[in-house]
C-alpha atoms as a PDB file:
ATOM      1  CA  GLU A   1     -52.765 -51.979  33.590  1.00  0.00           C
ATOM      2  CA  LYS A   2     -49.865 -52.707  35.901  1.00  0.00           C
ATOM      3  CA  LEU A   3     -47.598 -55.656  35.345  1.00  0.00           C
ATOM      4  CA  LYS A   4     -45.942 -56.760  38.569  1.00  0.00           C
ATOM      5  CA  GLN A   5     -44.107 -59.864  39.742  1.00  0.00           C
ATOM      6  CA  ASN A   6     -43.087 -60.048  43.378  1.00  0.00           C
ATOM      7  CA  VAL A   7     -40.843 -63.091  43.258  1.00  0.00           C
ATOM      8  CA  ASP A   8     -40.374 -63.088  47.017  1.00  0.00           C
ATOM      9  CA  THR A   9     -43.903 -64.500  47.179  1.00  0.00           C
ATOM     10  CA  LEU A  10     -44.604 -65.811  43.676  1.00  0.00           C
ATOM     11  CA  ILE A  11     -41.326 -66.745  42.027  1.00  0.00           C
ATOM     12  CA  VAL A  12     -38.091 -67.600  43.816  1.00  0.00           C
ATOM     13  CA  ILE A  13     -34.779 -67.628  41.943  1.00  0.00           C
ATOM     14  CA  PRO A  14     -32.283 -70.001  43.637  1.00  0.00           C
ATOM     15  CA  ASN A  15     -29.292 -68.156  45.076  1.00  0.00           C
ATOM     16  CA  ASP A  16     -26.809 -70.214  43.072  1.00  0.00           C
ATOM     17  CA  LYS A  17     -28.609 -69.197  39.857  1.00  0.00           C
ATOM     18  CA  ARG A  18     -29.246 -65.523  40.613  1.00  0.00           C
ATOM     19  CA  ASP A  19     -26.093 -64.117  38.994  1.00  0.00           C
ATOM     20  CA  GLU A  20     -26.707 -66.147  35.838  1.00  0.00           C
ATOM     21  CA  PHE A  21     -30.357 -65.095  35.804  1.00  0.00           C
ATOM     22  CA  ASN A  22     -29.513 -61.398  36.287  1.00  0.00           C
ATOM     23  CA  ARG A  23     -26.926 -61.512  33.513  1.00  0.00           C
ATOM     24  CA  LYS A  24     -29.559 -62.809  31.116  1.00  0.00           C
ATOM     25  CA  VAL A  25     -32.112 -60.199  32.187  1.00  0.00           C
ATOM     26  CA  LEU A  26     -29.568 -57.437  31.522  1.00  0.00           C
ATOM     27  CA  LYS A  27     -28.880 -58.854  28.073  1.00  0.00           C
ATOM     28  CA  LEU A  28     -32.600 -59.094  27.282  1.00  0.00           C
ATOM     29  CA  LEU A  29     -33.007 -55.437  28.218  1.00  0.00           C
ATOM     30  CA  GLU A  30     -29.992 -54.340  26.186  1.00  0.00           C
ATOM     31  CA  ARG A  31     -30.696 -56.354  23.035  1.00  0.00           C
ATOM     32  CA  GLY A  32     -34.421 -55.753  23.392  1.00  0.00           C
ATOM     33  CA  GLY A  33     -33.849 -52.028  22.986  1.00  0.00           C
ATOM     34  CA  ILE A  34     -34.875 -51.077  26.525  1.00  0.00           C
ATOM     35  CA  ARG A  35     -33.138 -47.879  27.667  1.00  0.00           C
ATOM     36  CA  LYS A  36     -33.189 -45.078  30.244  1.00  0.00           C
ATOM     37  CA  THR A  37     -33.595 -41.492  29.085  1.00  0.00           C
ATOM     38  CA  GLU A  38     -31.314 -38.683  30.226  1.00  0.00           C
ATOM     39  CA  THR A  39     -31.217 -34.945  29.594  1.00  0.00           C
ATOM     40  CA  ILE A  40     -28.033 -33.373  28.250  1.00  0.00           C
ATOM     41  CA  TYR A  41     -27.049 -29.909  27.043  1.00  0.00           C
ATOM     42  CA  VAL A  42     -25.203 -29.345  23.781  1.00  0.00           C
ATOM     43  CA  ASP A  43     -24.420 -25.832  22.549  1.00  0.00           C
ATOM     44  CA  GLU A  44     -26.698 -24.499  25.313  1.00  0.00           C
ATOM     45  CA  ARG A  45     -29.637 -26.520  24.008  1.00  0.00           C
ATOM     46  CA  GLU A  46     -31.465 -29.280  25.877  1.00  0.00           C
ATOM     47  CA  PHE A  47     -31.767 -32.748  24.338  1.00  0.00           C
ATOM     48  CA  THR A  48     -33.014 -36.156  25.410  1.00  0.00           C
ATOM     49  CA  VAL A  49     -30.650 -39.079  24.882  1.00  0.00           C
ATOM     50  CA  VAL A  50     -30.682 -42.689  26.041  1.00  0.00           C
ATOM     51  CA  VAL A  51     -28.273 -44.766  28.102  1.00  0.00           C
ATOM     52  CA  PRO A  52     -28.193 -48.513  28.845  1.00  0.00           C
ATOM     53  CA  ALA A  53     -30.518 -49.744  31.582  1.00  0.00           C
ATOM     54  CA  LYS A  54     -27.981 -50.490  34.327  1.00  0.00           C
ATOM     55  CA  PRO A  55     -28.384 -51.207  38.061  1.00  0.00           C
ATOM     56  CA  ASN A  56     -27.772 -48.441  40.584  1.00  0.00           C
ATOM     57  CA  GLU A  57     -25.885 -48.911  43.847  1.00  0.00           C
ATOM     58  CA  HIS A  58     -28.932 -50.705  45.294  1.00  0.00           C
ATOM     59  CA  GLY A  59     -29.234 -53.172  42.420  1.00  0.00           C
ATOM     60  CA  ILE A  60     -32.300 -51.454  40.936  1.00  0.00           C
ATOM     61  CA  ILE A  61     -32.529 -51.093  37.154  1.00  0.00           C
ATOM     62  CA  SER A  62     -34.754 -48.243  35.926  1.00  0.00           C
ATOM     63  CA  PHE A  63     -35.903 -47.865  32.337  1.00  0.00           C
ATOM     64  CA  ASP A  64     -38.465 -45.786  30.456  1.00  0.00           C
ATOM     65  CA  TYR A  65     -37.759 -46.029  26.724  1.00  0.00           C
ATOM     66  CA  SER A  66     -37.856 -48.534  23.888  1.00  0.00           C
ATOM     67  CA  ILE A  67     -35.676 -47.687  20.890  1.00  0.00           C
ATOM     68  CA  PHE A  68     -38.020 -49.795  18.758  1.00  0.00           C
ATOM     69  CA  GLU A  69     -41.179 -47.973  19.794  1.00  0.00           C
ATOM     70  CA  LYS A  70     -39.522 -44.538  20.112  1.00  0.00           C
ATOM     71  CA  GLU A  71     -41.735 -43.704  23.058  1.00  0.00           C
ATOM     72  CA  ILE A  72     -40.992 -42.529  26.585  1.00  0.00           C
ATOM     73  CA  MET A  73     -43.016 -44.587  29.037  1.00  0.00           C
ATOM     74  CA  PRO A  74     -43.578 -44.403  32.805  1.00  0.00           C
ATOM     75  CA  THR A  75     -40.427 -45.570  34.603  1.00  0.00           C
ATOM     76  CA  SER A  76     -40.276 -49.332  35.152  1.00  0.00           C
ATOM     77  CA  THR A  77     -37.876 -51.153  37.461  1.00  0.00           C
ATOM     78  CA  PHE A  78     -36.226 -54.521  37.878  1.00  0.00           C
ATOM     79  CA  ASN A  79     -34.627 -55.499  41.196  1.00  0.00           C
ATOM     80  CA  LEU A  80     -31.506 -57.656  40.795  1.00  0.00           C
ATOM     81  CA  ASN A  81     -31.662 -58.614  44.481  1.00  0.00           C
ATOM     82  CA  THR A  82     -35.198 -59.962  44.479  1.00  0.00           C
ATOM     83  CA  GLY A  83     -36.055 -60.431  40.812  1.00  0.00           C
ATOM     84  CA  GLU A  84     -39.083 -58.146  41.142  1.00  0.00           C
ATOM     85  CA  LEU A  85     -40.272 -56.596  37.870  1.00  0.00           C
ATOM     86  CA  ILE A  86     -42.593 -53.584  38.107  1.00  0.00           C
ATOM     87  CA  VAL A  87     -44.002 -52.167  34.872  1.00  0.00           C
ATOM     88  CA  PRO A  88     -46.675 -49.434  35.259  1.00  0.00           C
ATOM     89  CA  GLN A  89     -47.458 -49.414  31.541  1.00  0.00           C
ATOM     90  CA  LYS A  90     -46.448 -52.469  29.543  1.00  0.00           C
ATOM     91  CA  GLY A  91     -47.872 -51.474  26.165  1.00  0.00           C
ATOM     92  CA  TYR A  92     -48.712 -54.094  23.553  1.00  0.00           C
ATOM     93  CA  THR A  93     -45.807 -54.145  21.121  1.00  0.00           C
ATOM     94  CA  GLU A  94     -41.995 -54.252  21.354  1.00  0.00           C
ATOM     95  CA  PHE A  95     -41.726 -53.097  24.951  1.00  0.00           C
ATOM     96  CA  ALA A  96     -44.332 -55.636  26.075  1.00  0.00           C
ATOM     97  CA  ILE A  97     -42.570 -58.471  24.234  1.00  0.00           C
ATOM     98  CA  ILE A  98     -39.383 -57.882  26.220  1.00  0.00           C
ATOM     99  CA  MET A  99     -41.277 -57.568  29.509  1.00  0.00           C
ATOM    100  CA  TYR A 100     -43.043 -60.875  28.901  1.00  0.00           C
ATOM    101  CA  SER A 101     -39.720 -62.428  27.896  1.00  0.00           C
ATOM    102  CA  ILE A 102     -38.340 -61.470  31.303  1.00  0.00           C
ATOM    103  CA  MET A 103     -41.384 -63.073  32.932  1.00  0.00           C
ATOM    104  CA  VAL A 104     -40.773 -66.278  30.979  1.00  0.00           C
ATOM    105  CA  LEU A 105     -37.137 -66.199  32.083  1.00  0.00           C
ATOM    106  CA  GLN A 106     -38.350 -65.828  35.681  1.00  0.00           C
ATOM    107  CA  ILE A 107     -40.500 -68.926  35.243  1.00  0.00           C
ATOM    108  CA  ALA A 108     -37.591 -70.840  33.713  1.00  0.00           C
ATOM    109  CA  TYR A 109     -35.372 -70.088  36.722  1.00  0.00           C
ATOM    110  CA  SER A 110     -38.017 -70.361  39.436  1.00  0.00           C
ATOM    111  CA  SER A 111     -37.445 -72.976  42.111  1.00  0.00           C
ATOM    112  CA  GLU A 112     -41.222 -73.443  42.297  1.00  0.00           C
ATOM    113  CA  GLN A 113     -43.411 -74.882  39.545  1.00  0.00           C
ATOM    114  CA  CYS A 114     -45.267 -72.119  37.708  1.00  0.00           C
ATOM    115  CA  SER A 115     -46.580 -71.328  34.229  1.00  0.00           C
ATOM    116  CA  LEU A 116     -47.237 -68.503  31.841  1.00  0.00           C
ATOM    117  CA  ILE A 117     -50.940 -67.635  32.072  1.00  0.00           C
ATOM    118  CA  HIS A 118     -53.138 -66.323  29.261  1.00  0.00           C
ATOM    119  CA  ASN A 119     -56.895 -65.755  29.719  1.00  0.00           C
ATOM    120  CA  ASN A 120     -56.628 -67.434  33.131  1.00  0.00           C
ATOM    121  CA  LYS A 121     -55.248 -70.638  31.594  1.00  0.00           C
ATOM    122  CA  PRO A 122     -51.705 -72.057  31.393  1.00  0.00           C
ATOM    123  CA  ALA A 123     -50.209 -71.129  28.025  1.00  0.00           C
ATOM    124  CA  SER A 124     -47.267 -72.242  25.945  1.00  0.00           C
ATOM    125  CA  ALA A 125     -44.253 -69.911  25.903  1.00  0.00           C
ATOM    126  CA  LYS A 126     -42.723 -71.523  22.805  1.00  0.00           C
ATOM    127  CA  GLY A 127     -42.427 -68.270  20.848  1.00  0.00           C
ATOM    128  CA  TYR A 128     -40.917 -66.397  23.775  1.00  0.00           C
ATOM    129  CA  ILE A 129     -38.433 -69.184  24.436  1.00  0.00           C
ATOM    130  CA  ALA A 130     -37.284 -69.151  20.814  1.00  0.00           C
ATOM    131  CA  LEU A 131     -36.874 -65.363  20.971  1.00  0.00           C
ATOM    132  CA  ILE A 132     -34.992 -65.496  24.270  1.00  0.00           C
ATOM    133  CA  ASN A 133     -32.667 -68.172  22.909  1.00  0.00           C
ATOM    134  CA  THR A 134     -31.963 -65.981  19.878  1.00  0.00           C
ATOM    135  CA  ILE A 135     -31.271 -62.843  21.919  1.00  0.00           C
ATOM    136  CA  LEU A 136     -29.102 -64.636  24.472  1.00  0.00           C
ATOM    137  CA  ASP A 137     -27.515 -66.893  21.841  1.00  0.00           C
ATOM    138  CA  GLU A 138     -27.896 -69.841  24.205  1.00  0.00           C
ATOM    139  CA  LYS A 139     -30.587 -72.337  25.064  1.00  0.00           C
ATOM    140  CA  ILE A 140     -32.485 -71.929  28.306  1.00  0.00           C
ATOM    141  CA  GLU A 141     -34.248 -74.805  30.016  1.00  0.00           C
ATOM    142  CA  TYR A 142     -37.988 -74.301  30.224  1.00  0.00           C
ATOM    143  CA  HIS A 143     -40.580 -76.902  31.204  1.00  0.00           C
ATOM    144  CA  GLU A 144     -44.182 -76.361  30.188  1.00  0.00           C
ATOM    145  CA  HIS A 145     -46.762 -77.150  32.876  1.00  0.00           C
ATOM    146  CA  ILE A 146     -49.900 -77.263  30.768  1.00  0.00           C
ATOM    147  CA  PRO A 147     -52.207 -80.145  29.806  1.00  0.00           C
ATOM    148  CA  ASP A 148     -50.893 -82.319  26.967  1.00  0.00           C
ATOM    149  CA  SER A 149     -54.107 -81.697  25.059  1.00  0.00           C
ATOM    150  CA  GLU A 150     -53.365 -77.969  24.929  1.00  0.00           C
ATOM    151  CA  MET A 151     -49.584 -78.138  24.571  1.00  0.00           C
ATOM    152  CA  ASP A 152     -48.041 -77.254  21.208  1.00  0.00           C
ATOM    153  CA  PHE A 153     -44.487 -77.646  22.496  1.00  0.00           C
ATOM    154  CA  ARG A 154     -42.522 -80.789  23.377  1.00  0.00           C
ATOM    155  CA  GLU A 155     -39.398 -80.790  25.513  1.00  0.00           C
ATOM    156  CA  ASN A 156     -37.489 -82.911  23.018  1.00  0.00           C
ATOM    157  CA  GLU A 157     -38.411 -80.651  20.098  1.00  0.00           C
ATOM    158  CA  PRO A 158     -35.441 -78.586  18.867  1.00  0.00           C
ATOM    159  CA  LEU A 159     -36.011 -74.940  19.675  1.00  0.00           C
ATOM    160  CA  CYS A 160     -36.021 -72.746  16.605  1.00  0.00           C
ATOM    161  CA  ARG A 161     -34.362 -69.366  16.464  1.00  0.00           C
ATOM    162  CA  PHE A 162     -36.680 -66.381  16.269  1.00  0.00           C
ATOM    163  CA  PRO A 163     -34.970 -63.189  15.059  1.00  0.00           C
ATOM    164  CA  LEU A 164     -35.865 -60.004  16.861  1.00  0.00           C
ATOM    165  CA  TYR A 165     -36.991 -58.275  13.699  1.00  0.00           C
ATOM    166  CA  TRP A 166     -39.504 -61.071  13.100  1.00  0.00           C
ATOM    167  CA  ALA A 167     -40.891 -60.717  16.599  1.00  0.00           C
ATOM    168  CA  PHE A 168     -41.097 -56.948  16.168  1.00  0.00           C
ATOM    169  CA  ARG A 169     -42.746 -57.292  12.731  1.00  0.00           C
ATOM    170  CA  ARG A 170     -39.993 -55.534  10.808  1.00  0.00           C
ATOM    171  CA  ASP A 171     -38.554 -56.278   7.400  1.00  0.00           C
ATOM    172  CA  ASN A 172     -34.953 -55.899   8.514  1.00  0.00           C
ATOM    173  CA  GLU A 173     -32.646 -54.571  11.218  1.00  0.00           C
ATOM    174  CA  ASP A 174     -31.287 -51.634   9.200  1.00  0.00           C
ATOM    175  CA  GLU A 175     -31.795 -49.100  11.955  1.00  0.00           C
ATOM    176  CA  PHE A 176     -29.939 -51.002  14.668  1.00  0.00           C
ATOM    177  CA  LEU A 177     -26.383 -51.240  13.415  1.00  0.00           C
ATOM    178  CA  GLU A 178     -24.900 -50.818  16.893  1.00  0.00           C
ATOM    179  CA  TRP A 179     -25.340 -54.601  17.204  1.00  0.00           C
ATOM    180  CA  TRP A 180     -23.970 -55.451  13.767  1.00  0.00           C
ATOM    181  CA  ASN A 181     -20.840 -57.584  13.503  1.00  0.00           C
ATOM    182  CA  GLY A 182     -20.972 -57.773   9.726  1.00  0.00           C
ATOM    183  CA  SER A 183     -23.118 -60.890   9.468  1.00  0.00           C
ATOM    184  CA  ASN A 184     -25.375 -61.342  12.500  1.00  0.00           C
ATOM    185  CA  LEU A 185     -28.143 -58.908  11.518  1.00  0.00           C
ATOM    186  CA  HIS A 186     -30.535 -58.957   8.592  1.00  0.00           C
ATOM    187  CA  ILE A 187     -29.437 -55.823   6.709  1.00  0.00           C
ATOM    188  CA  SER A 188     -31.317 -54.902   3.543  1.00  0.00           C
ATOM    189  CA  SER A 189     -29.585 -54.365   0.232  1.00  0.00           C
ATOM    190  CA  ASP A 190     -30.774 -50.728   0.342  1.00  0.00           C
ATOM    191  CA  MET A 191     -28.941 -50.069   3.597  1.00  0.00           C
ATOM    192  CA  LYS A 192     -25.796 -51.877   2.436  1.00  0.00           C
ATOM    193  CA  HIS A 193     -25.841 -49.741  -0.706  1.00  0.00           C
ATOM    194  CA  GLN A 194     -26.372 -46.589   1.340  1.00  0.00           C
ATOM    195  CA  ILE A 195     -23.415 -47.443   3.586  1.00  0.00           C
ATOM    196  CA  HIS A 196     -21.279 -47.836   0.478  1.00  0.00           C
ATOM    197  CA  ILE A 197     -22.439 -44.417  -0.745  1.00  0.00           C
ATOM    198  CA  TRP A 198     -21.662 -42.800   2.613  1.00  0.00           C
ATOM    199  CA  LYS A 199     -18.222 -44.397   2.630  1.00  0.00           C
ATOM    200  CA  THR A 200     -17.450 -43.194  -0.901  1.00  0.00           C
ATOM    201  CA  VAL A 201     -18.725 -39.663  -0.272  1.00  0.00           C
ATOM    202  CA  TRP A 202     -16.807 -39.419   3.004  1.00  0.00           C
ATOM    203  CA  GLU A 203     -13.567 -40.595   1.383  1.00  0.00           C
ATOM    204  CA  ASP A 204     -13.967 -37.989  -1.383  1.00  0.00           C
ATOM    205  CA  PHE A 205     -14.953 -35.404   1.181  1.00  0.00           C
ATOM    206  CA  SER A 206     -11.853 -36.120   3.282  1.00  0.00           C
ATOM    207  CA  LYS A 207      -9.529 -35.768   0.287  1.00  0.00           C
ATOM    208  CA  CYS A 208     -10.879 -32.323  -0.572  1.00  0.00           C
ATOM    209  CA  SER A 209     -10.729 -30.818   2.962  1.00  0.00           C
ATOM    210  CA  LYS A 210     -13.914 -28.787   2.468  1.00  0.00           C
ATOM    211  CA  ILE A 211     -14.524 -27.965   6.132  1.00  0.00           C
ATOM    212  CA  ARG A 212     -14.721 -24.246   6.868  1.00  0.00           C
ATOM    213  CA  ASP A 213     -12.622 -22.846   9.678  1.00  0.00           C
ATOM    214  CA  ASP A 214     -15.686 -21.571  11.537  1.00  0.00           C
ATOM    215  CA  ILE A 215     -17.363 -25.003  11.856  1.00  0.00           C
ATOM    216  CA  ARG A 216     -17.287 -26.269  15.446  1.00  0.00           C
ATOM    217  CA  MET A 217     -18.371 -29.605  16.878  1.00  0.00           C
ATOM    218  CA  GLU A 218     -20.831 -28.368  19.538  1.00  0.00           C
ATOM    219  CA  PRO A 219     -23.032 -26.226  17.247  1.00  0.00           C
ATOM    220  CA  LEU A 220     -22.871 -28.909  14.571  1.00  0.00           C
ATOM    221  CA  MET A 221     -23.915 -31.641  17.010  1.00  0.00           C
ATOM    222  CA  GLY A 222     -26.694 -29.418  18.360  1.00  0.00           C
ATOM    223  CA  SER A 223     -27.978 -28.859  14.831  1.00  0.00           C
ATOM    224  CA  VAL A 224     -27.900 -32.598  14.044  1.00  0.00           C
ATOM    225  CA  LEU A 225     -29.740 -33.563  17.238  1.00  0.00           C
ATOM    226  CA  THR A 226     -32.350 -30.854  16.681  1.00  0.00           C
ATOM    227  CA  GLU A 227     -33.091 -32.007  13.156  1.00  0.00           C
ATOM    228  CA  MET A 228     -33.193 -35.668  14.143  1.00  0.00           C
ATOM    229  CA  GLN A 229     -35.616 -35.123  17.019  1.00  0.00           C
ATOM    230  CA  GLU A 230     -37.776 -32.205  15.846  1.00  0.00           C
ATOM    231  CA  ILE A 231     -37.934 -32.709  12.085  1.00  0.00           C
ATOM    232  CA  TRP A 232     -37.228 -36.347  11.278  1.00  0.00           C
ATOM    233  CA  GLU A 233     -38.677 -37.678  14.565  1.00  0.00           C
ATOM    234  CA  CYS A 234     -35.904 -40.245  14.803  1.00  0.00           C
ATOM    235  CA  ARG A 235     -35.418 -42.302  17.939  1.00  0.00           C
ATOM    236  CA  PHE A 236     -33.330 -40.695  20.675  1.00  0.00           C
ATOM    237  CA  VAL A 237     -29.627 -41.215  20.064  1.00  0.00           C
ATOM    238  CA  ASP A 238     -27.330 -43.120  22.384  1.00  0.00           C
ATOM    239  CA  LYS A 239     -25.456 -40.791  24.737  1.00  0.00           C
ATOM    240  CA  ARG A 240     -22.235 -42.620  23.811  1.00  0.00           C
ATOM    241  CA  PHE A 241     -22.481 -41.212  20.291  1.00  0.00           C
ATOM    242  CA  VAL A 242     -22.719 -37.627  21.547  1.00  0.00           C
ATOM    243  CA  ASP A 243     -20.030 -38.054  24.198  1.00  0.00           C
ATOM    244  CA  GLU A 244     -17.505 -39.591  21.817  1.00  0.00           C
ATOM    245  CA  PHE A 245     -17.925 -36.970  19.107  1.00  0.00           C
ATOM    246  CA  LEU A 246     -17.722 -34.098  21.598  1.00  0.00           C
ATOM    247  CA  GLU A 247     -14.651 -35.692  23.159  1.00  0.00           C
ATOM    248  CA  HIS A 248     -13.037 -35.605  19.699  1.00  0.00           C
ATOM    249  CA  ARG A 249     -14.253 -32.086  18.904  1.00  0.00           C
ATOM    250  CA  ASP A 250     -10.884 -31.096  17.444  1.00  0.00           C
ATOM    251  CA  ASN A 251     -10.502 -34.205  15.273  1.00  0.00           C
ATOM    252  CA  ILE A 252     -11.200 -33.259  11.671  1.00  0.00           C
ATOM    253  CA  LYS A 253     -12.288 -36.804  10.792  1.00  0.00           C
ATOM    254  CA  TYR A 254     -15.062 -36.783  13.399  1.00  0.00           C
ATOM    255  CA  LEU A 255     -16.231 -33.411  12.090  1.00  0.00           C
ATOM    256  CA  GLU A 256     -16.359 -34.832   8.577  1.00  0.00           C
ATOM    257  CA  LEU A 257     -18.477 -37.800   9.676  1.00  0.00           C
ATOM    258  CA  LEU A 258     -20.943 -35.496  11.394  1.00  0.00           C
ATOM    259  CA  ILE A 259     -21.055 -33.104   8.442  1.00  0.00           C
ATOM    260  CA  LEU A 260     -21.817 -36.070   6.187  1.00  0.00           C
ATOM    261  CA  LEU A 261     -24.855 -36.890   8.334  1.00  0.00           C
ATOM    262  CA  ARG A 262     -26.072 -33.298   8.385  1.00  0.00           C
ATOM    263  CA  GLU A 263     -25.683 -32.934   4.619  1.00  0.00           C
ATOM    264  CA  TYR A 264     -27.641 -36.144   4.087  1.00  0.00           C
ATOM    265  CA  MET A 265     -30.492 -34.786   6.211  1.00  0.00           C
ATOM    266  CA  GLN A 266     -30.490 -31.584   4.156  1.00  0.00           C
ATOM    267  CA  LEU A 267     -30.735 -33.209   0.735  1.00  0.00           C
ATOM    268  CA  GLY A 268     -33.382 -31.463  -1.335  1.00  0.00           C
ATOM    269  CA  THR A 269     -33.346 -28.086   0.422  1.00  0.00           C
ATOM    270  CA  HIS A 270     -31.634 -26.396  -2.537  1.00  0.00           C
ATOM    271  CA  TYR A 271     -34.696 -26.987  -4.715  1.00  0.00           C
ATOM    272  CA  PHE A 272     -36.508 -24.158  -2.896  1.00  0.00           C
ATOM    273  CA  PRO A 273     -34.178 -21.112  -2.916  1.00  0.00           C
ATOM    274  CA  GLU A 274     -37.079 -18.744  -2.237  1.00  0.00           C
ATOM    275  CA  LEU A 275     -37.594 -20.302   1.199  1.00  0.00           C
ATOM    276  CA  THR A 276     -35.346 -20.407   4.224  1.00  0.00           C
ATOM    277  CA  GLU A 277     -33.604 -23.678   4.983  1.00  0.00           C
ATOM    278  CA  ASP A 278     -35.676 -24.084   8.148  1.00  0.00           C
ATOM    279  CA  GLN A 279     -38.941 -23.543   6.245  1.00  0.00           C
ATOM    280  CA  VAL A 280     -38.005 -26.188   3.705  1.00  0.00           C
ATOM    281  CA  LYS A 281     -37.059 -28.695   6.405  1.00  0.00           C
ATOM    282  CA  ARG A 282     -40.143 -28.256   8.544  1.00  0.00           C
ATOM    283  CA  SER A 283     -42.737 -27.824   5.787  1.00  0.00           C
ATOM    284  CA  LEU A 284     -41.552 -29.674   2.679  1.00  0.00           C
ATOM    285  CA  LEU A 285     -38.587 -31.942   3.275  1.00  0.00           C
ATOM    286  CA  LEU A 286     -40.519 -34.828   4.771  1.00  0.00           C
ATOM    287  CA  GLU A 287     -42.946 -34.690   1.845  1.00  0.00           C
ATOM    288  CA  ILE A 288     -40.329 -34.954  -0.890  1.00  0.00           C
ATOM    289  CA  ARG A 289     -37.977 -37.380   0.818  1.00  0.00           C
ATOM    290  CA  ASP A 290     -38.433 -41.144   1.043  1.00  0.00           C
ATOM    291  CA  SER A 291     -39.961 -42.297   4.343  1.00  0.00           C
ATOM    292  CA  TYR A 292     -37.074 -44.766   4.593  1.00  0.00           C
ATOM    293  CA  ASP A 293     -34.712 -41.811   5.111  1.00  0.00           C
ATOM    294  CA  GLU A 294     -35.630 -41.659   8.802  1.00  0.00           C
ATOM    295  CA  ILE A 295     -34.372 -45.224   9.207  1.00  0.00           C
ATOM    296  CA  LYS A 296     -31.197 -44.410   7.286  1.00  0.00           C
ATOM    297  CA  ILE A 297     -30.498 -41.403   9.511  1.00  0.00           C
ATOM    298  CA  SER A 298     -30.919 -43.413  12.708  1.00  0.00           C
ATOM    299  CA  GLY A 299     -28.962 -46.251  11.118  1.00  0.00           C
ATOM    300  CA  TYR A 300     -26.059 -43.906  10.382  1.00  0.00           C
ATOM    301  CA  VAL A 301     -25.882 -42.752  14.001  1.00  0.00           C
ATOM    302  CA  SER A 302     -26.224 -46.353  15.124  1.00  0.00           C
ATOM    303  CA  LEU A 303     -23.288 -47.291  12.894  1.00  0.00           C
ATOM    304  CA  MET A 304     -21.231 -44.433  14.347  1.00  0.00           C
ATOM    305  CA  THR A 305     -21.816 -45.968  17.791  1.00  0.00           C
ATOM    306  CA  ASN A 306     -20.479 -49.336  16.597  1.00  0.00           C
ATOM    307  CA  HIS A 307     -16.704 -48.916  16.886  1.00  0.00           C
ATOM    308  CA  ASP A 308     -15.745 -52.156  15.136  1.00  0.00           C
ATOM    309  CA  GLN A 309     -17.916 -51.711  12.048  1.00  0.00           C
ATOM    310  CA  ARG A 310     -17.275 -47.971  11.873  1.00  0.00           C
ATOM    311  CA  LYS A 311     -13.536 -48.609  11.821  1.00  0.00           C
ATOM    312  CA  GLN A 312     -13.898 -51.330   9.208  1.00  0.00           C
ATOM    313  CA  ILE A 313     -16.093 -49.187   6.935  1.00  0.00           C
ATOM    314  CA  PHE A 314     -14.813 -45.665   7.567  1.00  0.00           C
ATOM    315  CA  GLY A 315     -11.379 -46.392   9.024  1.00  0.00           C
ATOM    316  CA  LEU A 316     -12.077 -44.345  12.170  1.00  0.00           C
END
């Protein structure tokens, strides 16, 4: 089912509000985990990575991936010049929530009276408004145009905050540390403990200088990306993570951080000396390791992409 708003005919965003509206759409896409996939080559191997959904020279934003759903979807577009949103396949979970949030934002900024429709009837957007306010960290003005008898929202009612992990039916935000400022996300005690372990191991690792002379950044990064995508089935990593580590290929500290990740992914392989490392990883590792490890692996890469928290925790 296609989801399409042509705001030239249905919804009109006033010119004096268009820049403000577009800024909020971009933030909804970014904080809602909506990305664009790209193909890169590392150590002569092909990998898929993601980049922010940004407008091209014509003001068109293209996107095809949700980091929450970990699924490539048909390319959708949003036109900053007209406000037109075209989504060939909206899905029913995280991706759809953000698409409907953009629609509610369109309604909020429309110069014409309009409403969110569900089952051919005007519907309350209370939940979406609370989520949008949380993501944007500001209150948007939204007037419900539905009969009082069916309305469960009042304009003078304080709008509650609705954390993204609630909306996406998650227990925490452990995997998405790129947005973490130390207090704004709901991080589980398990992840906080794991970060402490990584920090301690890395500090000990750095003191001992265990890196072999033949270890190089490109093959190491290629190995990490292969294991993340083919074995652990983690979400695609942010291209910024790959670019930064390759840019610092000769920095021993960056090598140590990447080795720490690779060694964590390989925990347990030594229990099966009669098998090759690849056999253990592909056939047994996922069976003997905790299912939460996938989240920890993605969370580690996410933390490496967060310069402020990475510096505070690892000093780099």
